Amino acid sequence: MPDAANDRPGDRPGLLSVPQGNPGQASPQDMGGQLPFDASHEVEAMSPDNMAQAPVSSAAPSTNEAGRQASSAGGGKRDAGTGYPFRDNPLLPAALAAGRLPFAPAIQAPACISHFATINDTAPVEADREHLGWLCYSLSAPPPAPDATQHTIEFDHFTVHWENYGPISTYTVVNRQPSGGAFASAALDALPEDWLSGLTGVRLFGLHVHYEETNGPERNPASLARLFGRDDYIGATLAAGKARVWGDWDQEDGFPKLLIRDDGLTKRQAGRLVMDLIRFEASRMAALTEHARLRNLDRQLAIWEHRLEPEAEQSSADAEAITTVRAGLLSHYRERIALSICDEYEQAAQVALVALDESRLPGLVPLSDYLGHSLEGVHQDISQWRERFSLIERELERAEGRLERDDRDQLAEAIQVQTAVMARTAQAQTQNRRLLQIMGVVGLTVGFGFLSRLFADGLAAIGLIQAPELLALVGLPVGFLAAYALIFGTGSKRRS
């Protein structure tokens, strides 16, 4: 049995036919038609930013297409990292990146941590990356890679971690040797003020955390009230009793203060605990921010509801109002998406709360109650806005249905009126035609009678007949028959 320790990839026997001139290695020509992937095929790594903003292009090669392209390119070569002659799926780097654990520094008490996030809808990620490079240069630290979406800086006893998510960038600063007591200084104070003022975008939220050791000063209600400047702070035990946390969110600088007391955490557990608290606050603030951005939605919904109210003596809104409201709903689809986003942020806060494994401290408001209290207005408004959206859509459907029925009724009524008019017109035309025919028969009969009288008088004058009146009387019925045949016979031919 071969020794596994000495069985290096380069020493393994080849399973493919090997040319005699180079034993132990197959040529690309021999391997190209037998392996489905090409390890030499360079794939551009997809950053989380690219994955979040750009959908998968239909032009991207499938795994089979990648294999065929790699085969035509010349076959597989041994990868320097794995030692295996594989051709990788082009989407493999993205899948591996998605499985990485989120950043969580190892923290030992005492330490202080500051975290904040900025958003910029106009400046690209390159602007934040370049600004971070300036900080790295001033600290003589390695700069971020040209395509990096996260980077960590280590200097002295400080750690600065940057991550980018499209228009949002987050910064975590850790000070492992804080001076003074709790909140005597913030980890953020270590960063140059001119660098902070040059950050792109605006601040979404911030948080200051102080992590103190077990043998620190005893924390009783009086000392905590002096520390936070108030006695209505929150408090709970975390991590199955291995830590206690007290916090105050009512700070003038917009940076809530959280004091964590170590009761048996490891360095890695402490880091995860702090990041879970940050995720809790980030999700809570994101839900509140989206809710604040949707404040104008209440007024817009009222406008649509008013437009759909029928006017006096009308059963439903008119076509113009229906068209206006329908177009408004289509143009405000982003607001409807934001309603779902608020729910997702709240669920993310609940997930972070579960990870914190919270228990109550006697007499104090826990994080779970604080979350419910701060998002209570969000719950009510989101539920109300969704219900009003549904009511408006149902009213639109009813109004459109009534309008369609009214249009059909009006069309049927118009068709009936037009049919009646056409019938009366046809009847009048028939009556007029009959009257003209009768008048024509009478006129022609009189004409024929007059001509027969003249004809009889002429014959009597030359002595051919003795009684012209008799001939004139015979001419009247003959003229009538001739007139009737002429008029009614011509009409029958025209109708046929």
Protein backbone atom coordinates (compact mmCIF):
# COMPACT_ATOMS: atom_id res chain seq x y z
CA MET A 1 0.00 0.00 0.00
CA PRO A 2 1.58 3.36 -0.99
CA ASP A 3 2.54 5.89 1.62
CA ALA A 4 -0.12 8.62 1.61
CA ALA A 5 2.34 11.19 2.90
CA ASN A 6 4.67 10.66 -0.02
CA ASP A 7 1.92 10.24 -2.60
CA ARG A 8 2.20 13.72 -4.14
CA PRO A 9 -0.01 14.70 -7.09
CA GLY A 10 2.98 14.75 -9.43
CA ASP A 11 3.95 11.18 -8.42
CA ARG A 12 0.53 9.62 -8.94
CA PRO A 13 0.31 7.21 -11.88
CA GLY A 14 -1.50 8.58 -14.92
CA LEU A 15 -4.83 6.96 -15.79
CA LEU A 16 -4.76 8.15 -19.40
CA SER A 17 -2.62 7.00 -22.28
CA VAL A 18 0.77 8.69 -21.94
CA PRO A 19 3.12 9.43 -24.84
CA GLN A 20 6.37 7.57 -24.63
CA GLY A 21 8.44 10.73 -24.85
CA ASN A 22 7.09 12.17 -21.59
CA PRO A 23 6.20 9.46 -19.08
CA GLY A 24 3.88 10.33 -16.20
CA GLN A 25 2.17 13.19 -18.06
CA ALA A 26 -0.38 13.21 -20.86
CA SER A 27 -0.17 15.70 -23.66
CA PRO A 28 -2.87 18.38 -23.99
CA GLN A 29 -3.93 16.84 -27.30
CA ASP A 30 -4.59 13.47 -25.66
CA MET A 31 -6.31 14.93 -22.58
CA GLY A 32 -8.33 17.60 -24.36
CA GLY A 33 -10.89 15.21 -25.82
CA GLN A 34 -11.34 13.22 -22.62
CA LEU A 35 -11.74 15.78 -19.80
CA PRO A 36 -14.82 18.00 -19.68
CA PHE A 37 -13.24 21.02 -17.92
CA ASP A 38 -10.16 23.14 -18.48
CA ALA A 39 -8.13 24.14 -15.44
CA SER A 40 -6.17 26.60 -17.57
CA HIS A 41 -9.35 28.43 -18.48
CA GLU A 42 -9.10 31.76 -16.62
CA VAL A 43 -12.34 32.84 -15.02
CA GLU A 44 -12.97 36.34 -13.77
CA ALA A 45 -14.07 36.13 -10.15
CA MET A 46 -17.55 37.44 -9.51
CA SER A 47 -17.62 39.76 -6.54
CA PRO A 48 -20.68 39.92 -4.29
CA ASP A 49 -21.26 43.40 -5.70
CA ASN A 50 -21.39 42.06 -9.26
CA MET A 51 -23.61 39.18 -8.21
CA ALA A 52 -26.04 41.51 -6.46
CA GLN A 53 -26.30 44.13 -9.22
CA ALA A 54 -25.93 42.20 -12.46
CA PRO A 55 -28.19 39.28 -13.39
CA VAL A 56 -26.64 36.21 -14.94
CA SER A 57 -26.23 37.01 -18.62
CA SER A 58 -27.84 34.77 -21.17
CA ALA A 59 -24.60 35.02 -23.09
CA ALA A 60 -22.62 33.41 -20.26
CA PRO A 61 -21.41 29.95 -21.25
CA SER A 62 -23.03 26.97 -19.58
CA THR A 63 -20.91 24.32 -17.94
CA ASN A 64 -21.12 22.12 -21.04
CA GLU A 65 -20.22 25.03 -23.30
CA ALA A 66 -17.30 25.87 -21.00
CA GLY A 67 -16.07 22.32 -21.34
CA ARG A 68 -16.35 22.41 -25.12
CA GLN A 69 -14.55 25.76 -25.27
CA ALA A 70 -11.82 24.44 -23.00
CA SER A 71 -11.45 21.30 -25.14
CA SER A 72 -11.08 23.35 -28.27
CA ALA A 73 -8.55 25.57 -26.49
CA GLY A 74 -6.13 22.70 -26.01
CA GLY A 75 -7.10 20.48 -23.07
CA GLY A 76 -6.28 20.43 -19.38
CA LYS A 77 -3.07 21.22 -17.53
CA ARG A 78 -2.24 20.56 -13.91
CA ASP A 79 -3.47 23.36 -11.71
CA ALA A 80 -0.68 24.75 -9.55
CA GLY A 81 -2.99 25.03 -6.54
CA THR A 82 -4.81 21.68 -6.55
CA GLY A 83 -2.49 19.50 -8.57
CA TYR A 84 -5.46 18.04 -10.45
CA PRO A 85 -6.01 18.45 -14.20
CA PHE A 86 -9.57 19.73 -13.83
CA ARG A 87 -11.38 22.34 -15.88
CA ASP A 88 -13.39 24.45 -13.41
CA ASN A 89 -16.95 25.57 -13.86
CA PRO A 90 -16.82 29.34 -14.60
CA LEU A 91 -19.37 29.90 -11.81
CA LEU A 92 -17.29 28.02 -9.21
CA PRO A 93 -15.53 31.14 -7.79
CA ALA A 94 -18.88 32.81 -7.15
CA ALA A 95 -20.21 29.71 -5.41
CA LEU A 96 -17.09 29.47 -3.23
CA ALA A 97 -17.29 33.17 -2.36
CA ALA A 98 -20.92 32.81 -1.27
CA GLY A 99 -19.90 30.10 1.22
CA ARG A 100 -17.33 32.20 3.06
CA LEU A 101 -18.11 33.06 6.65
CA PRO A 102 -18.80 36.74 7.38
CA PHE A 103 -16.08 38.84 8.98
CA ALA A 104 -15.77 38.42 12.75
CA PRO A 105 -12.58 39.54 14.51
CA ALA A 106 -11.14 37.67 17.48
CA ILE A 107 -11.65 39.99 20.46
CA GLN A 108 -10.26 39.80 23.97
CA ALA A 109 -11.45 42.08 26.75
CA PRO A 110 -10.91 44.92 27.16
CA ALA A 111 -11.63 46.22 23.67
CA CYS A 112 -13.82 48.78 21.97
CA ILE A 113 -15.46 48.51 18.57
CA SER A 114 -17.05 51.09 16.29
CA HIS A 115 -19.15 50.27 13.26
CA PHE A 116 -20.88 52.49 10.73
CA ALA A 117 -22.33 52.22 7.22
CA THR A 118 -22.56 54.72 4.37
CA ILE A 119 -24.71 54.75 1.25
CA ASN A 120 -24.04 56.43 -2.08
CA ASP A 121 -26.34 55.83 -5.04
CA THR A 122 -24.16 57.77 -7.49
CA ALA A 123 -20.51 57.01 -6.73
CA PRO A 124 -19.30 53.52 -7.74
CA VAL A 125 -17.47 51.11 -5.46
CA GLU A 126 -14.21 52.34 -6.96
CA ALA A 127 -14.64 55.64 -5.09
CA ASP A 128 -14.82 53.87 -1.69
CA ARG A 129 -11.97 51.55 -2.66
CA GLU A 130 -9.78 54.49 -3.67
CA HIS A 131 -10.63 56.35 -0.47
CA LEU A 132 -9.70 53.26 1.56
CA GLY A 133 -6.43 53.10 -0.37
CA TRP A 134 -5.63 56.60 0.85
CA LEU A 135 -6.06 55.38 4.46
CA CYS A 136 -3.84 52.37 3.73
CA TYR A 137 -1.17 54.66 2.28
CA SER A 138 -1.24 56.95 5.34
CA LEU A 139 -0.85 53.90 7.62
CA SER A 140 1.76 52.15 5.42
CA ALA A 141 -0.63 49.20 5.06
CA PRO A 142 -1.26 47.10 1.92
CA PRO A 143 -4.03 48.64 -0.24
CA PRO A 144 -7.12 46.72 -1.39
CA ALA A 145 -6.99 44.74 -4.62
CA PRO A 146 -8.33 46.53 -7.73
CA ASP A 147 -11.49 44.40 -7.74
CA ALA A 148 -11.86 43.94 -3.95
CA THR A 149 -15.22 44.33 -2.24
CA GLN A 150 -13.78 43.81 1.25
CA HIS A 151 -10.43 44.58 2.83
CA THR A 152 -8.87 44.43 6.31
CA ILE A 153 -6.20 46.80 7.62
CA GLU A 154 -4.04 45.93 10.62
CA PHE A 155 -1.92 48.62 12.31
CA ASP A 156 -0.62 48.85 15.85
CA HIS A 157 -3.41 47.40 18.00
CA PHE A 158 -6.18 48.45 15.60
CA THR A 159 -8.15 46.57 12.92
CA VAL A 160 -10.20 48.29 10.20
CA HIS A 161 -12.46 46.15 8.03
CA TRP A 162 -14.29 47.46 4.94
CA GLU A 163 -17.03 45.68 2.99
CA ASN A 164 -19.03 46.88 0.02
CA TYR A 165 -22.55 45.85 -1.01
CA GLY A 166 -23.32 47.88 -4.12
CA PRO A 167 -24.12 51.44 -2.99
CA ILE A 168 -23.57 50.54 0.70
CA SER A 169 -20.17 50.34 2.39
CA THR A 170 -19.63 49.21 6.00
CA TYR A 171 -16.64 49.94 8.21
CA THR A 172 -15.71 48.10 11.43
CA VAL A 173 -12.94 49.50 13.64
CA VAL A 174 -11.52 47.46 16.56
CA ASN A 175 -9.26 48.91 19.25
CA ARG A 176 -7.69 46.10 21.30
CA GLN A 177 -5.98 48.37 23.82
CA PRO A 178 -8.49 51.07 24.79
CA SER A 179 -7.40 53.65 27.30
CA GLY A 180 -9.59 54.66 30.25
CA GLY A 181 -12.86 53.09 31.24
CA ALA A 182 -15.94 52.21 29.21
CA PHE A 183 -16.65 54.71 26.42
CA ALA A 184 -13.78 56.94 27.53
CA SER A 185 -12.77 56.79 23.87
CA ALA A 186 -14.24 55.21 20.76
CA ALA A 187 -12.40 52.97 18.33
CA LEU A 188 -13.47 55.34 15.56
CA ASP A 189 -11.30 58.06 17.11
CA ALA A 190 -8.22 56.27 15.76
CA LEU A 191 -9.12 57.16 12.14
CA PRO A 192 -8.01 60.55 10.77
CA GLU A 193 -10.75 63.16 10.86
CA ASP A 194 -9.98 64.42 7.34
CA TRP A 195 -10.31 60.83 6.05
CA LEU A 196 -13.69 60.42 7.76
CA SER A 197 -14.92 63.74 6.35
CA GLY A 198 -13.89 62.62 2.85
CA LEU A 199 -16.03 59.48 2.85
CA THR A 200 -18.42 59.25 -0.08
CA GLY A 201 -22.13 59.07 0.58
CA VAL A 202 -24.07 59.65 3.78
CA ARG A 203 -24.11 57.70 7.03
CA LEU A 204 -26.88 55.15 7.45
CA PHE A 205 -26.22 54.24 11.07
CA GLY A 206 -23.42 53.78 13.60
CA LEU A 207 -22.67 51.87 16.79
CA HIS A 208 -20.11 52.03 19.61
CA VAL A 209 -19.38 48.86 21.62
CA HIS A 210 -17.20 48.45 24.70
CA TYR A 211 -16.21 44.90 25.69
CA GLU A 212 -14.97 44.62 29.27
CA GLU A 213 -13.41 41.77 31.19
CA THR A 214 -15.06 39.65 33.85
CA ASN A 215 -13.04 41.12 36.72
CA GLY A 216 -13.90 44.69 35.79
CA PRO A 217 -15.84 47.08 38.01
CA GLU A 218 -19.17 45.80 39.23
CA ARG A 219 -22.08 46.98 37.14
CA ASN A 220 -25.08 47.92 39.23
CA PRO A 221 -28.06 50.12 38.31
CA ALA A 222 -26.45 53.23 39.76
CA SER A 223 -23.14 52.83 37.89
CA LEU A 224 -24.94 51.99 34.63
CA ALA A 225 -27.18 55.05 35.00
CA ARG A 226 -24.08 57.23 35.43
CA LEU A 227 -22.42 55.57 32.44
CA PHE A 228 -25.35 56.09 30.05
CA GLY A 229 -26.63 59.30 31.63
CA ARG A 230 -30.09 57.78 32.10
CA ASP A 231 -31.72 54.92 33.97
CA ASP A 232 -33.99 53.55 31.20
CA TYR A 233 -31.27 51.60 29.40
CA ILE A 234 -31.84 48.09 28.05
CA GLY A 235 -30.18 44.92 29.30
CA ALA A 236 -30.06 41.17 28.73
CA THR A 237 -27.84 38.13 29.00
CA LEU A 238 -26.45 36.70 25.77
CA ALA A 239 -24.75 33.54 24.51
CA ALA A 240 -26.43 31.23 27.00
CA GLY A 241 -25.34 33.35 29.95
CA LYS A 242 -21.69 33.81 28.82
CA ALA A 243 -22.14 37.56 28.36
CA ARG A 244 -24.28 40.44 29.57
CA VAL A 245 -25.14 43.51 27.54
CA TRP A 246 -26.48 46.92 28.49
CA GLY A 247 -27.25 49.59 25.94
CA ASP A 248 -28.61 53.05 25.33
CA TRP A 249 -29.95 54.11 21.91
CA ASP A 250 -30.76 57.72 22.84
CA GLN A 251 -27.45 59.36 21.90
CA GLU A 252 -27.07 62.82 20.38
CA ASP A 253 -24.33 61.74 17.96
CA GLY A 254 -26.47 58.94 16.50
CA PHE A 255 -24.10 56.21 17.76
CA PRO A 256 -25.87 53.93 20.27
CA LYS A 257 -23.64 52.66 23.06
CA LEU A 258 -23.51 48.96 23.99
CA LEU A 259 -21.55 47.66 26.97
CA ILE A 260 -20.76 43.92 26.88
CA ARG A 261 -19.54 42.14 30.00
CA ASP A 262 -17.50 38.97 29.42
CA ASP A 263 -18.78 36.05 31.49
CA GLY A 264 -16.87 33.21 29.83
CA LEU A 265 -16.63 33.95 26.09
CA THR A 266 -13.72 32.85 23.93
CA LYS A 267 -12.07 35.38 21.61
CA ARG A 268 -13.89 34.01 18.59
CA GLN A 269 -17.24 33.86 20.41
CA ALA A 270 -16.80 37.47 21.48
CA GLY A 271 -16.15 38.52 17.89
CA ARG A 272 -19.21 36.65 16.62
CA LEU A 273 -21.33 38.13 19.39
CA VAL A 274 -20.31 41.68 18.51
CA MET A 275 -21.01 41.11 14.79
CA ASP A 276 -24.42 39.62 15.61
CA LEU A 277 -25.24 42.76 17.60
CA ILE A 278 -24.09 44.86 14.64
CA ARG A 279 -26.28 42.82 12.26
CA PHE A 280 -29.19 43.25 14.67
CA GLU A 281 -28.79 47.03 14.68
CA ALA A 282 -28.10 47.21 10.92
CA SER A 283 -31.30 45.30 10.08
CA ARG A 284 -33.36 47.33 12.56
CA MET A 285 -32.08 50.65 11.19
CA ALA A 286 -32.54 49.50 7.59
CA ALA A 287 -36.22 48.70 8.29
CA LEU A 288 -36.71 52.09 9.94
CA THR A 289 -34.94 53.87 7.07
CA GLU A 290 -37.08 52.17 4.43
CA HIS A 291 -40.16 53.00 6.48
CA ALA A 292 -39.17 56.68 6.71
CA ARG A 293 -38.60 56.76 2.94
CA LEU A 294 -42.15 55.49 2.41
CA ARG A 295 -43.81 58.22 4.50
CA ASN A 296 -45.13 60.00 1.38
CA LEU A 297 -46.87 56.80 0.34
CA ASP A 298 -49.71 57.56 2.75
CA ARG A 299 -50.53 60.81 0.94
CA GLN A 300 -50.28 59.16 -2.48
CA LEU A 301 -52.66 56.38 -1.45
CA ALA A 302 -55.15 58.99 -0.23
CA ILE A 303 -55.00 60.72 -3.65
CA TRP A 304 -55.70 57.46 -5.48
CA GLU A 305 -58.55 56.60 -3.13
CA HIS A 306 -60.11 60.03 -3.76
CA ARG A 307 -59.77 59.65 -7.54
CA LEU A 308 -61.61 56.33 -7.43
CA GLU A 309 -64.60 57.78 -5.56
CA PRO A 310 -67.54 58.08 -8.03
CA GLU A 311 -69.01 61.50 -8.61
CA ALA A 312 -72.67 62.33 -7.97
CA GLU A 313 -75.13 60.28 -10.03
CA GLN A 314 -72.33 57.93 -11.15
CA SER A 315 -71.98 54.29 -10.18
CA SER A 316 -68.17 54.24 -10.50
CA ALA A 317 -65.16 56.38 -11.34
CA ASP A 318 -64.78 57.61 -14.89
CA ALA A 319 -62.32 56.23 -17.41
CA GLU A 320 -59.83 59.07 -16.91
CA ALA A 321 -59.60 58.47 -13.14
CA ILE A 322 -59.20 54.72 -13.65
CA THR A 323 -56.41 55.24 -16.20
CA THR A 324 -54.63 57.73 -13.91
CA VAL A 325 -54.72 55.46 -10.86
CA ARG A 326 -53.65 52.40 -12.87
CA ALA A 327 -50.67 54.31 -14.29
CA GLY A 328 -49.81 55.53 -10.79
CA LEU A 329 -49.75 52.00 -9.40
CA LEU A 330 -47.43 50.90 -12.19
CA SER A 331 -45.07 53.85 -11.66
CA HIS A 332 -44.87 53.25 -7.87
CA TYR A 333 -43.80 49.62 -8.06
CA ARG A 334 -40.59 50.46 -6.16
CA GLU A 335 -42.63 51.44 -3.11
CA ARG A 336 -44.44 48.12 -3.19
CA ILE A 337 -41.10 46.32 -3.34
CA ALA A 338 -39.88 48.41 -0.40
CA LEU A 339 -42.79 47.10 1.69
CA SER A 340 -41.43 43.58 1.27
CA ILE A 341 -37.89 44.80 1.94
CA CYS A 342 -39.00 46.17 5.31
CA ASP A 343 -40.28 42.74 6.22
CA GLU A 344 -37.02 41.13 5.13
CA TYR A 345 -34.98 43.52 7.26
CA GLU A 346 -37.11 42.79 10.28
CA GLN A 347 -36.71 39.05 9.71
CA ALA A 348 -32.93 39.57 9.49
CA ALA A 349 -33.04 41.35 12.86
CA GLN A 350 -35.00 38.44 14.31
CA VAL A 351 -32.41 35.99 12.94
CA ALA A 352 -29.60 37.99 14.56
CA LEU A 353 -31.61 38.02 17.79
CA VAL A 354 -31.88 34.23 17.73
CA ALA A 355 -28.12 33.96 17.19
CA LEU A 356 -27.54 36.17 20.26
CA ASP A 357 -29.41 33.63 22.43
CA GLU A 358 -30.93 36.31 24.63
CA SER A 359 -32.37 35.95 28.12
CA ARG A 360 -33.93 38.59 30.33
CA LEU A 361 -32.22 40.49 33.10
CA PRO A 362 -34.55 41.35 36.00
CA GLY A 363 -36.13 44.78 35.68
CA LEU A 364 -34.62 45.62 32.26
CA VAL A 365 -36.04 45.77 28.74
CA PRO A 366 -34.40 43.06 26.58
CA LEU A 367 -33.36 43.46 22.97
CA SER A 368 -36.37 41.52 21.72
CA ASP A 369 -38.82 43.91 23.42
CA TYR A 370 -36.84 46.90 22.21
CA LEU A 371 -36.97 45.57 18.65
CA GLY A 372 -40.72 45.08 18.84
CA HIS A 373 -41.21 48.54 20.34
CA SER A 374 -39.05 50.35 17.77
CA LEU A 375 -40.65 48.55 14.81
CA GLU A 376 -44.24 48.71 16.07
CA GLY A 377 -45.02 51.76 13.93
CA VAL A 378 -43.39 50.07 10.94
CA HIS A 379 -45.64 47.02 11.44
CA GLN A 380 -48.79 49.09 11.61
CA ASP A 381 -47.98 51.28 8.60
CA ILE A 382 -46.78 48.41 6.42
CA SER A 383 -49.92 46.38 7.16
CA GLN A 384 -52.14 49.40 6.55
CA TRP A 385 -50.41 50.37 3.29
CA ARG A 386 -50.59 46.82 1.97
CA GLU A 387 -54.29 46.61 2.79
CA ARG A 388 -54.93 49.95 1.11
CA PHE A 389 -53.00 48.84 -1.97
CA SER A 390 -55.18 45.72 -2.11
CA LEU A 391 -58.38 47.74 -1.66
CA ILE A 392 -57.36 50.15 -4.41
CA GLU A 393 -56.61 47.29 -6.78
CA ARG A 394 -59.93 45.61 -6.00
CA GLU A 395 -61.77 48.88 -6.48
CA LEU A 396 -59.92 49.39 -9.76
CA GLU A 397 -61.01 45.97 -10.95
CA ARG A 398 -64.61 46.65 -9.95
CA ALA A 399 -64.56 50.10 -11.57
CA GLU A 400 -63.03 48.70 -14.74
CA GLY A 401 -65.64 45.94 -14.77
CA ARG A 402 -68.49 48.42 -14.29
CA LEU A 403 -67.01 50.70 -16.93
CA GLU A 404 -66.74 47.78 -19.34
CA ARG A 405 -70.34 46.77 -18.65
CA ASP A 406 -71.48 50.37 -19.12
CA ASP A 407 -69.61 50.51 -22.42
CA ARG A 408 -71.26 47.28 -23.55
CA ASP A 409 -74.71 48.56 -22.51
CA GLN A 410 -74.14 51.86 -24.29
CA LEU A 411 -72.94 50.05 -27.39
CA ALA A 412 -75.99 47.73 -27.34
CA GLU A 413 -78.29 50.72 -26.85
CA ALA A 414 -76.62 52.56 -29.71
CA ILE A 415 -76.98 49.51 -31.94
CA GLN A 416 -80.67 49.25 -31.02
CA VAL A 417 -81.24 52.94 -31.76
CA GLN A 418 -79.39 52.67 -35.04
CA THR A 419 -81.40 49.57 -35.99
CA ALA A 420 -84.68 51.35 -35.19
CA VAL A 421 -83.67 54.40 -37.20
CA MET A 422 -82.67 52.25 -40.13
CA ALA A 423 -85.98 50.36 -39.93
CA ARG A 424 -88.00 53.58 -39.85
CA THR A 425 -85.96 54.98 -42.69
CA ALA A 426 -86.51 51.85 -44.77
CA GLN A 427 -90.26 51.98 -44.02
CA ALA A 428 -90.46 55.64 -44.99
CA GLN A 429 -88.53 54.93 -48.18
CA THR A 430 -90.96 52.10 -49.04
CA GLN A 431 -93.98 54.33 -48.41
CA ASN A 432 -92.51 57.14 -50.50
CA ARG A 433 -91.72 54.72 -53.29
CA ARG A 434 -95.30 53.38 -53.27
CA LEU A 435 -96.70 56.90 -53.29
CA LEU A 436 -94.52 57.86 -56.20
CA GLN A 437 -95.55 54.73 -58.05
CA ILE A 438 -99.27 55.45 -57.51
CA MET A 439 -98.82 59.05 -58.56
CA GLY A 440 -96.92 57.85 -61.64
CA VAL A 441 -99.69 55.41 -62.55
CA VAL A 442 -102.33 58.12 -62.15
CA GLY A 443 -100.31 60.61 -64.15
CA LEU A 444 -99.57 58.20 -66.93
CA THR A 445 -103.24 57.04 -67.02
CA VAL A 446 -104.43 60.64 -67.36
CA GLY A 447 -101.81 61.24 -70.00
CA PHE A 448 -102.82 58.18 -71.97
CA GLY A 449 -106.52 59.21 -71.65
CA PHE A 450 -105.75 62.69 -72.96
CA LEU A 451 -103.75 61.28 -75.86
CA SER A 452 -106.52 58.77 -76.69
CA ARG A 453 -109.07 61.64 -76.77
CA LEU A 454 -106.89 63.63 -79.13
CA PHE A 455 -106.38 60.56 -81.23
CA ALA A 456 -110.17 59.88 -81.35
CA ASP A 457 -110.95 63.49 -82.22
CA GLY A 458 -108.40 63.32 -85.05
CA LEU A 459 -109.96 60.16 -86.46
CA ALA A 460 -113.43 61.70 -86.21
CA ALA A 461 -112.26 64.83 -88.03
CA ILE A 462 -111.12 62.87 -91.04
CA GLY A 463 -114.32 60.79 -90.95
CA LEU A 464 -112.90 57.46 -89.93
CA ILE A 465 -115.04 57.08 -86.81
CA GLN A 466 -118.42 58.40 -85.85
CA ALA A 467 -118.18 58.24 -81.97
CA PRO A 468 -114.83 59.58 -80.65
CA GLU A 469 -116.12 59.48 -77.02
CA LEU A 470 -116.24 55.69 -77.12
CA LEU A 471 -112.65 55.45 -78.30
CA ALA A 472 -111.57 57.90 -75.57
CA LEU A 473 -113.28 55.76 -72.91
CA VAL A 474 -111.52 52.65 -74.19
CA GLY A 475 -108.19 54.50 -73.97
CA LEU A 476 -108.45 55.09 -70.22
CA PRO A 477 -108.18 51.43 -69.07
CA VAL A 478 -105.63 50.73 -71.73
CA GLY A 479 -103.57 53.68 -70.51
CA PHE A 480 -103.94 52.54 -66.89
CA LEU A 481 -102.70 49.04 -67.71
CA ALA A 482 -99.81 50.41 -69.72
CA ALA A 483 -98.84 52.82 -66.92
CA TYR A 484 -99.07 50.10 -64.25
CA ALA A 485 -96.96 47.69 -66.31
CA LEU A 486 -94.40 50.38 -67.04
CA ILE A 487 -93.92 51.59 -63.45
CA PHE A 488 -94.32 48.40 -61.40
CA GLY A 489 -92.60 46.20 -63.95
CA THR A 490 -89.51 48.47 -63.98
CA GLY A 491 -89.38 48.49 -60.13
CA SER A 492 -89.51 44.69 -59.99
CA LYS A 493 -86.60 44.43 -62.40
CA ARG A 494 -84.54 46.89 -60.31
CA ARG A 495 -85.20 44.96 -57.04
CA SER A 496 -84.25 41.70 -58.72
